[in-house]
């Protein structure tokens, strides 16, 4: 169990460090994908669909939405 805990901590640190130097389009795509994956997970849990499918669909839709929003604001 402690190995899993350390792997999660290392993954979170790498995720935060990997965001340095991103432009606004990259940032919006990443944040849209993260928000979409959580929304997709929640929707899949509510309707009884496979959770991974909900996460993947939500992440894809969120990333595309983030890029579209970024392009609209320019």
PDB file of N, CA and C in Angstrom:
ATOM      1  N   UNK A   1       0.814  -1.192   0.000  1.00  0.00           N
ATOM      2  CA  UNK A   1       0.000   0.000   0.000  1.00  0.00           C
ATOM      3  C   UNK A   1       0.861   1.261   0.000  1.00  0.00           C
ATOM      4  N   UNK A   2       1.957   1.248   0.720  1.00  0.00           N
ATOM      5  CA  UNK A   2       2.814   2.422   0.768  1.00  0.00           C
ATOM      6  C   UNK A   2       3.472   2.685  -0.567  1.00  0.00           C
ATOM      7  N   UNK A   3       3.696   1.635  -1.381  1.00  0.00           N
ATOM      8  CA  UNK A   3       4.284   1.822  -2.705  1.00  0.00           C
ATOM      9  C   UNK A   3       3.318   2.609  -3.590  1.00  0.00           C
ATOM     10  N   UNK A   4       2.050   2.279  -3.535  1.00  0.00           N
ATOM     11  CA  UNK A   4       1.046   2.993  -4.317  1.00  0.00           C
ATOM     12  C   UNK A   4       0.972   4.456  -3.899  1.00  0.00           C
ATOM     13  N   UNK A   5       1.065   4.690  -2.612  1.00  0.00           N
ATOM     14  CA  UNK A   5       1.016   6.068  -2.109  1.00  0.00           C
ATOM     15  C   UNK A   5       2.198   6.881  -2.645  1.00  0.00           C
ATOM     16  N   UNK A   6       3.380   6.292  -2.651  1.00  0.00           N
ATOM     17  CA  UNK A   6       4.557   7.001  -3.164  1.00  0.00           C
ATOM     18  C   UNK A   6       4.480   7.191  -4.671  1.00  0.00           C
ATOM     19  N   UNK A   7       3.930   6.226  -5.381  1.00  0.00           N
ATOM     20  CA  UNK A   7       3.779   6.380  -6.826  1.00  0.00           C
ATOM     21  C   UNK A   7       2.828   7.525  -7.158  1.00  0.00           C
ATOM     22  N   UNK A   8       1.771   7.665  -6.400  1.00  0.00           N
ATOM     23  CA  UNK A   8       0.839   8.771  -6.613  1.00  0.00           C
ATOM     24  C   UNK A   8       1.518  10.103  -6.322  1.00  0.00           C
ATOM     25  N   UNK A   9       2.292  10.176  -5.270  1.00  0.00           N
ATOM     26  CA  UNK A   9       2.995  11.414  -4.923  1.00  0.00           C
ATOM     27  C   UNK A   9       3.993  11.787  -6.017  1.00  0.00           C
ATOM     28  N   UNK A  10       4.760  10.830  -6.505  1.00  0.00           N
ATOM     29  CA  UNK A  10       5.730  11.098  -7.567  1.00  0.00           C
ATOM     30  C   UNK A  10       5.018  11.520  -8.851  1.00  0.00           C
ATOM     31  N   UNK A  11       3.913  10.873  -9.179  1.00  0.00           N
ATOM     32  CA  UNK A  11       3.160  11.243 -10.377  1.00  0.00           C
ATOM     33  C   UNK A  11       2.613  12.660 -10.270  1.00  0.00           C
ATOM     34  N   UNK A  12       2.159  13.046  -9.093  1.00  0.00           N
ATOM     35  CA  UNK A  12       1.650  14.409  -8.915  1.00  0.00           C
ATOM     36  C   UNK A  12       2.771  15.435  -9.050  1.00  0.00           C
ATOM     37  N   UNK A  13       3.923  15.147  -8.507  1.00  0.00           N
ATOM     38  CA  UNK A  13       5.055  16.075  -8.619  1.00  0.00           C
ATOM     39  C   UNK A  13       5.491  16.204 -10.075  1.00  0.00           C
ATOM     40  N   UNK A  14       5.560  15.095 -10.786  1.00  0.00           N
ATOM     41  CA  UNK A  14       5.935  15.142 -12.204  1.00  0.00           C
ATOM     42  C   UNK A  14       4.892  15.885 -13.026  1.00  0.00           C
ATOM     43  N   UNK A  15       3.635  15.732 -12.675  1.00  0.00           N
ATOM     44  CA  UNK A  15       2.579  16.437 -13.382  1.00  0.00           C
ATOM     45  C   UNK A  15       2.666  17.939 -13.197  1.00  0.00           C
ATOM     46  N   UNK A  16       2.992  18.372 -12.001  1.00  0.00           N
ATOM     47  CA  UNK A  16       3.119  19.805 -11.740  1.00  0.00           C
ATOM     48  C   UNK A  16       4.352  20.367 -12.431  1.00  0.00           C
ATOM     49  N   UNK A  17       5.450  19.650 -12.396  1.00  0.00           N
ATOM     50  CA  UNK A  17       6.675  20.135 -13.039  1.00  0.00           C
ATOM     51  C   UNK A  17       6.561  20.111 -14.563  1.00  0.00           C
ATOM     52  N   UNK A  18       5.768  19.223 -15.090  1.00  0.00           N
ATOM     53  CA  UNK A  18       5.624  19.119 -16.538  1.00  0.00           C
ATOM     54  C   UNK A  18       4.809  20.242 -17.141  1.00  0.00           C
ATOM     55  N   UNK A  19       4.154  21.048 -16.350  1.00  0.00           N
ATOM     56  CA  UNK A  19       3.311  22.139 -16.853  1.00  0.00           C
ATOM     57  C   UNK A  19       4.079  23.432 -17.049  1.00  0.00           C
ATOM     58  N   UNK A  20       5.340  23.469 -16.705  1.00  0.00           N
ATOM     59  CA  UNK A  20       6.112  24.694 -16.844  1.00  0.00           C
ATOM     60  C   UNK A  20       6.383  24.977 -18.314  1.00  0.00           C
ATOM     61  N   UNK A  21       6.239  26.228 -18.704  1.00  0.00           N
ATOM     62  CA  UNK A  21       6.556  26.628 -20.069  1.00  0.00           C
ATOM     63  C   UNK A  21       5.461  26.362 -21.082  1.00  0.00           C
ATOM     64  N   UNK A  22       4.244  26.118 -20.642  1.00  0.00           N
ATOM     65  CA  UNK A  22       3.147  25.860 -21.576  1.00  0.00           C
ATOM     66  C   UNK A  22       2.529  27.183 -22.019  1.00  0.00           C
ATOM     67  N   UNK A  23       2.077  27.226 -23.282  1.00  0.00           N
ATOM     68  CA  UNK A  23       1.367  28.422 -23.733  1.00  0.00           C
ATOM     69  C   UNK A  23      -0.103  28.326 -23.326  1.00  0.00           C
ATOM     70  N   UNK A  24      -0.871  29.354 -23.639  1.00  0.00           N
ATOM     71  CA  UNK A  24      -2.256  29.385 -23.160  1.00  0.00           C
ATOM     72  C   UNK A  24      -3.105  28.282 -23.788  1.00  0.00           C
ATOM     73  N   UNK A  25      -2.848  27.939 -25.035  1.00  0.00           N
ATOM     74  CA  UNK A  25      -3.618  26.870 -25.682  1.00  0.00           C
ATOM     75  C   UNK A  25      -3.363  25.536 -25.004  1.00  0.00           C
ATOM     76  N   UNK A  26      -2.101  25.257 -24.712  1.00  0.00           N
ATOM     77  CA  UNK A  26      -1.759  24.015 -24.017  1.00  0.00           C
ATOM     78  C   UNK A  26      -2.390  23.959 -22.628  1.00  0.00           C
ATOM     79  N   UNK A  27      -2.339  25.074 -21.925  1.00  0.00           N
ATOM     80  CA  UNK A  27      -2.910  25.117 -20.582  1.00  0.00           C
ATOM     81  C   UNK A  27      -4.419  24.891 -20.606  1.00  0.00           C
ATOM     82  N   UNK A  28      -5.097  25.514 -21.563  1.00  0.00           N
ATOM     83  CA  UNK A  28      -6.550  25.342 -21.635  1.00  0.00           C
ATOM     84  C   UNK A  28      -6.929  23.932 -22.062  1.00  0.00           C
ATOM     85  N   UNK A  29      -6.156  23.339 -22.975  1.00  0.00           N
ATOM     86  CA  UNK A  29      -6.434  21.964 -23.383  1.00  0.00           C
ATOM     87  C   UNK A  29      -6.231  21.004 -22.210  1.00  0.00           C
ATOM     88  N   UNK A  30      -5.170  21.215 -21.443  1.00  0.00           N
ATOM     89  CA  UNK A  30      -4.892  20.349 -20.299  1.00  0.00           C
ATOM     90  C   UNK A  30      -5.950  20.507 -19.212  1.00  0.00           C
ATOM     91  N   UNK A  31      -6.295  21.747 -18.881  1.00  0.00           N
ATOM     92  CA  UNK A  31      -7.299  21.943 -17.837  1.00  0.00           C
ATOM     93  C   UNK A  31      -8.672  21.480 -18.309  1.00  0.00           C
ATOM     94  N   UNK A  32      -8.994  21.700 -19.582  1.00  0.00           N
ATOM     95  CA  UNK A  32     -10.261  21.202 -20.119  1.00  0.00           C
ATOM     96  C   UNK A  32     -10.331  19.688 -20.084  1.00  0.00           C
ATOM     97  N   UNK A  33      -9.224  19.043 -20.417  1.00  0.00           N
ATOM     98  CA  UNK A  33      -9.181  17.585 -20.359  1.00  0.00           C
ATOM     99  C   UNK A  33      -9.328  17.048 -18.949  1.00  0.00           C
ATOM    100  N   UNK A  34      -8.713  17.725 -17.993  1.00  0.00           N
ATOM    101  CA  UNK A  34      -8.826  17.292 -16.597  1.00  0.00           C
ATOM    102  C   UNK A  34     -10.247  17.464 -16.078  1.00  0.00           C
ATOM    103  N   UNK A  35     -10.833  18.624 -16.367  1.00  0.00           N
ATOM    104  CA  UNK A  35     -12.213  18.867 -15.926  1.00  0.00           C
ATOM    105  C   UNK A  35     -13.171  17.915 -16.634  1.00  0.00           C
ATOM    106  N   UNK A  36     -12.946  17.699 -17.923  1.00  0.00           N
ATOM    107  CA  UNK A  36     -13.805  16.787 -18.678  1.00  0.00           C
ATOM    108  C   UNK A  36     -13.712  15.352 -18.201  1.00  0.00           C
ATOM    109  N   UNK A  37     -12.524  14.924 -17.804  1.00  0.00           N
ATOM    110  CA  UNK A  37     -12.387  13.549 -17.333  1.00  0.00           C
ATOM    111  C   UNK A  37     -13.143  13.330 -16.021  1.00  0.00           C
ATOM    112  N   UNK A  38     -13.118  14.316 -15.146  1.00  0.00           N
ATOM    113  CA  UNK A  38     -13.874  14.206 -13.897  1.00  0.00           C
ATOM    114  C   UNK A  38     -15.376  14.211 -14.184  1.00  0.00           C
ATOM    115  N   UNK A  39     -15.796  15.093 -15.094  1.00  0.00           N
ATOM    116  CA  UNK A  39     -17.217  15.141 -15.452  1.00  0.00           C
ATOM    117  C   UNK A  39     -17.649  13.846 -16.131  1.00  0.00           C
ATOM    118  N   UNK A  40     -16.794  13.303 -17.003  1.00  0.00           N
ATOM    119  CA  UNK A  40     -17.113  12.039 -17.660  1.00  0.00           C
ATOM    120  C   UNK A  40     -17.186  10.883 -16.679  1.00  0.00           C
ATOM    121  N   UNK A  41     -16.315  10.889 -15.694  1.00  0.00           N
ATOM    122  CA  UNK A  41     -16.349   9.849 -14.664  1.00  0.00           C
ATOM    123  C   UNK A  41     -17.647   9.924 -13.876  1.00  0.00           C
ATOM    124  N   UNK A  42     -18.029  11.138 -13.500  1.00  0.00           N
ATOM    125  CA  UNK A  42     -19.282  11.298 -12.759  1.00  0.00           C
ATOM    126  C   UNK A  42     -20.493  10.887 -13.573  1.00  0.00           C
ATOM    127  N   UNK A  43     -20.515  11.271 -14.839  1.00  0.00           N
ATOM    128  CA  UNK A  43     -21.643  10.918 -15.697  1.00  0.00           C
ATOM    129  C   UNK A  43     -21.715   9.413 -15.913  1.00  0.00           C
ATOM    130  N   UNK A  44     -20.572   8.771 -16.123  1.00  0.00           N
ATOM    131  CA  UNK A  44     -20.561   7.320 -16.317  1.00  0.00           C
ATOM    132  C   UNK A  44     -21.011   6.591 -15.060  1.00  0.00           C
ATOM    133  N   UNK A  45     -20.631   7.107 -13.913  1.00  0.00           N
ATOM    134  CA  UNK A  45     -21.048   6.480 -12.660  1.00  0.00           C
ATOM    135  C   UNK A  45     -22.559   6.610 -12.460  1.00  0.00           C
ATOM    136  N   UNK A  46     -23.118   7.744 -12.845  1.00  0.00           N
ATOM    137  CA  UNK A  46     -24.551   7.968 -12.661  1.00  0.00           C
ATOM    138  C   UNK A  46     -25.373   7.091 -13.596  1.00  0.00           C
ATOM    139  N   UNK A  47     -24.949   7.016 -14.877  1.00  0.00           N
ATOM    140  CA  UNK A  47     -25.762   6.270 -15.844  1.00  0.00           C
ATOM    141  C   UNK A  47     -25.411   4.788 -15.908  1.00  0.00           C
ATOM    142  N   UNK A  48     -24.353   4.383 -15.233  1.00  0.00           N
ATOM    143  CA  UNK A  48     -24.001   2.969 -15.189  1.00  0.00           C
ATOM    144  C   UNK A  48     -23.159   2.502 -16.360  1.00  0.00           C
ATOM    145  N   UNK A  49     -22.505   3.412 -17.050  1.00  0.00           N
ATOM    146  CA  UNK A  49     -21.620   3.062 -18.169  1.00  0.00           C
ATOM    147  C   UNK A  49     -20.238   2.677 -17.620  1.00  0.00           C
ATOM    148  N   UNK A  50     -19.402   2.056 -18.451  1.00  0.00           N
ATOM    149  CA  UNK A  50     -18.031   1.766 -18.004  1.00  0.00           C
ATOM    150  C   UNK A  50     -17.288   3.057 -17.654  1.00  0.00           C
ATOM    151  N   UNK A  51     -16.634   3.060 -16.514  1.00  0.00           N
ATOM    152  CA  UNK A  51     -16.006   4.279 -16.017  1.00  0.00           C
ATOM    153  C   UNK A  51     -14.880   4.767 -16.917  1.00  0.00           C
ATOM    154  N   UNK A  52     -14.083   3.854 -17.442  1.00  0.00           N
ATOM    155  CA  UNK A  52     -12.970   4.267 -18.307  1.00  0.00           C
ATOM    156  C   UNK A  52     -13.458   4.914 -19.592  1.00  0.00           C
ATOM    157  N   UNK A  53     -14.577   4.446 -20.101  1.00  0.00           N
ATOM    158  CA  UNK A  53     -15.149   5.050 -21.306  1.00  0.00           C
ATOM    159  C   UNK A  53     -15.607   6.474 -20.994  1.00  0.00           C
ATOM    160  N   UNK A  54     -16.228   6.671 -19.855  1.00  0.00           N
ATOM    161  CA  UNK A  54     -16.660   7.998 -19.447  1.00  0.00           C
ATOM    162  C   UNK A  54     -15.493   8.952 -19.268  1.00  0.00           C
ATOM    163  N   UNK A  55     -14.427   8.464 -18.652  1.00  0.00           N
ATOM    164  CA  UNK A  55     -13.235   9.293 -18.443  1.00  0.00           C
ATOM    165  C   UNK A  55     -12.610   9.668 -19.785  1.00  0.00           C
ATOM    166  N   UNK A  56     -12.464   8.692 -20.673  1.00  0.00           N
ATOM    167  CA  UNK A  56     -11.839   8.965 -21.974  1.00  0.00           C
ATOM    168  C   UNK A  56     -12.676   9.931 -22.804  1.00  0.00           C
ATOM    169  N   UNK A  57     -13.974   9.724 -22.837  1.00  0.00           N
ATOM    170  CA  UNK A  57     -14.836  10.616 -23.611  1.00  0.00           C
ATOM    171  C   UNK A  57     -14.857  12.015 -23.014  1.00  0.00           C
ATOM    172  N   UNK A  58     -14.925  12.107 -21.713  1.00  0.00           N
ATOM    173  CA  UNK A  58     -14.918  13.409 -21.068  1.00  0.00           C
ATOM    174  C   UNK A  58     -13.611  14.151 -21.256  1.00  0.00           C
ATOM    175  N   UNK A  59     -12.496  13.432 -21.176  1.00  0.00           N
ATOM    176  CA  UNK A  59     -11.189  14.067 -21.371  1.00  0.00           C
ATOM    177  C   UNK A  59     -11.037  14.585 -22.795  1.00  0.00           C
ATOM    178  N   UNK A  60     -11.467  13.794 -23.767  1.00  0.00           N
ATOM    179  CA  UNK A  60     -11.374  14.223 -25.161  1.00  0.00           C
ATOM    180  C   UNK A  60     -12.253  15.447 -25.416  1.00  0.00           C
ATOM    181  N   UNK A  61     -13.470  15.401 -24.934  1.00  0.00           N
ATOM    182  CA  UNK A  61     -14.383  16.531 -25.131  1.00  0.00           C
ATOM    183  C   UNK A  61     -13.872  17.778 -24.407  1.00  0.00           C
ATOM    184  N   UNK A  62     -13.335  17.614 -23.217  1.00  0.00           N
ATOM    185  CA  UNK A  62     -12.814  18.748 -22.467  1.00  0.00           C
ATOM    186  C   UNK A  62     -11.591  19.371 -23.109  1.00  0.00           C
ATOM    187  N   UNK A  63     -10.700  18.535 -23.638  1.00  0.00           N
ATOM    188  CA  UNK A  63      -9.508  19.061 -24.301  1.00  0.00           C
ATOM    189  C   UNK A  63      -9.882  19.838 -25.561  1.00  0.00           C
ATOM    190  N   UNK A  64     -10.792  19.286 -26.345  1.00  0.00           N
ATOM    191  CA  UNK A  64     -11.248  19.992 -27.546  1.00  0.00           C
ATOM    192  C   UNK A  64     -11.951  21.288 -27.156  1.00  0.00           C
ATOM    193  N   UNK A  65     -12.770  21.224 -26.135  1.00  0.00           N
ATOM    194  CA  UNK A  65     -13.452  22.422 -25.662  1.00  0.00           C
ATOM    195  C   UNK A  65     -12.479  23.489 -25.181  1.00  0.00           C
ATOM    196  N   UNK A  66     -11.422  23.084 -24.503  1.00  0.00           N
ATOM    197  CA  UNK A  66     -10.421  24.047 -24.050  1.00  0.00           C
ATOM    198  C   UNK A  66      -9.714  24.745 -25.190  1.00  0.00           C
ATOM    199  N   UNK A  67      -9.397  24.000 -26.235  1.00  0.00           N
ATOM    200  CA  UNK A  67      -8.746  24.595 -27.405  1.00  0.00           C
ATOM    201  C   UNK A  67      -9.707  25.537 -28.128  1.00  0.00           C
ATOM    202  N   UNK A  68     -10.956  25.122 -28.262  1.00  0.00           N
ATOM    203  CA  UNK A  68     -11.947  25.974 -28.935  1.00  0.00           C
ATOM    204  C   UNK A  68     -12.147  27.278 -28.162  1.00  0.00           C
ATOM    205  N   UNK A  69     -12.264  27.195 -26.849  1.00  0.00           N
ATOM    206  CA  UNK A  69     -12.431  28.392 -26.030  1.00  0.00           C
ATOM    207  C   UNK A  69     -11.229  29.308 -26.176  1.00  0.00           C
ATOM    208  N   UNK A  70     -10.021  28.725 -26.193  1.00  0.00           N
ATOM    209  CA  UNK A  70      -8.818  29.528 -26.347  1.00  0.00           C
ATOM    210  C   UNK A  70      -8.804  30.249 -27.691  1.00  0.00           C
ATOM    211  N   UNK A  71      -9.190  29.554 -28.745  1.00  0.00           N
ATOM    212  CA  UNK A  71      -9.207  30.166 -30.076  1.00  0.00           C
ATOM    213  C   UNK A  71     -10.286  31.237 -30.184  1.00  0.00           C
ATOM    214  N   UNK A  72     -11.389  31.060 -29.504  1.00  0.00           N
ATOM    215  CA  UNK A  72     -12.473  32.054 -29.547  1.00  0.00           C
ATOM    216  C   UNK A  72     -12.069  33.343 -28.817  1.00  0.00           C
ATOM    217  N   UNK A  73     -11.242  33.223 -27.777  1.00  0.00           N
ATOM    218  CA  UNK A  73     -10.843  34.391 -27.013  1.00  0.00           C
ATOM    219  C   UNK A  73      -9.718  35.180 -27.664  1.00  0.00           C
ATOM    220  N   UNK A  74      -9.128  34.645 -28.698  1.00  0.00           N
ATOM    221  CA  UNK A  74      -8.045  35.363 -29.388  1.00  0.00           C
ATOM    222  C   UNK A  74      -8.575  36.279 -30.400  1.00  0.00           C
TER     223      UNK A  74
END
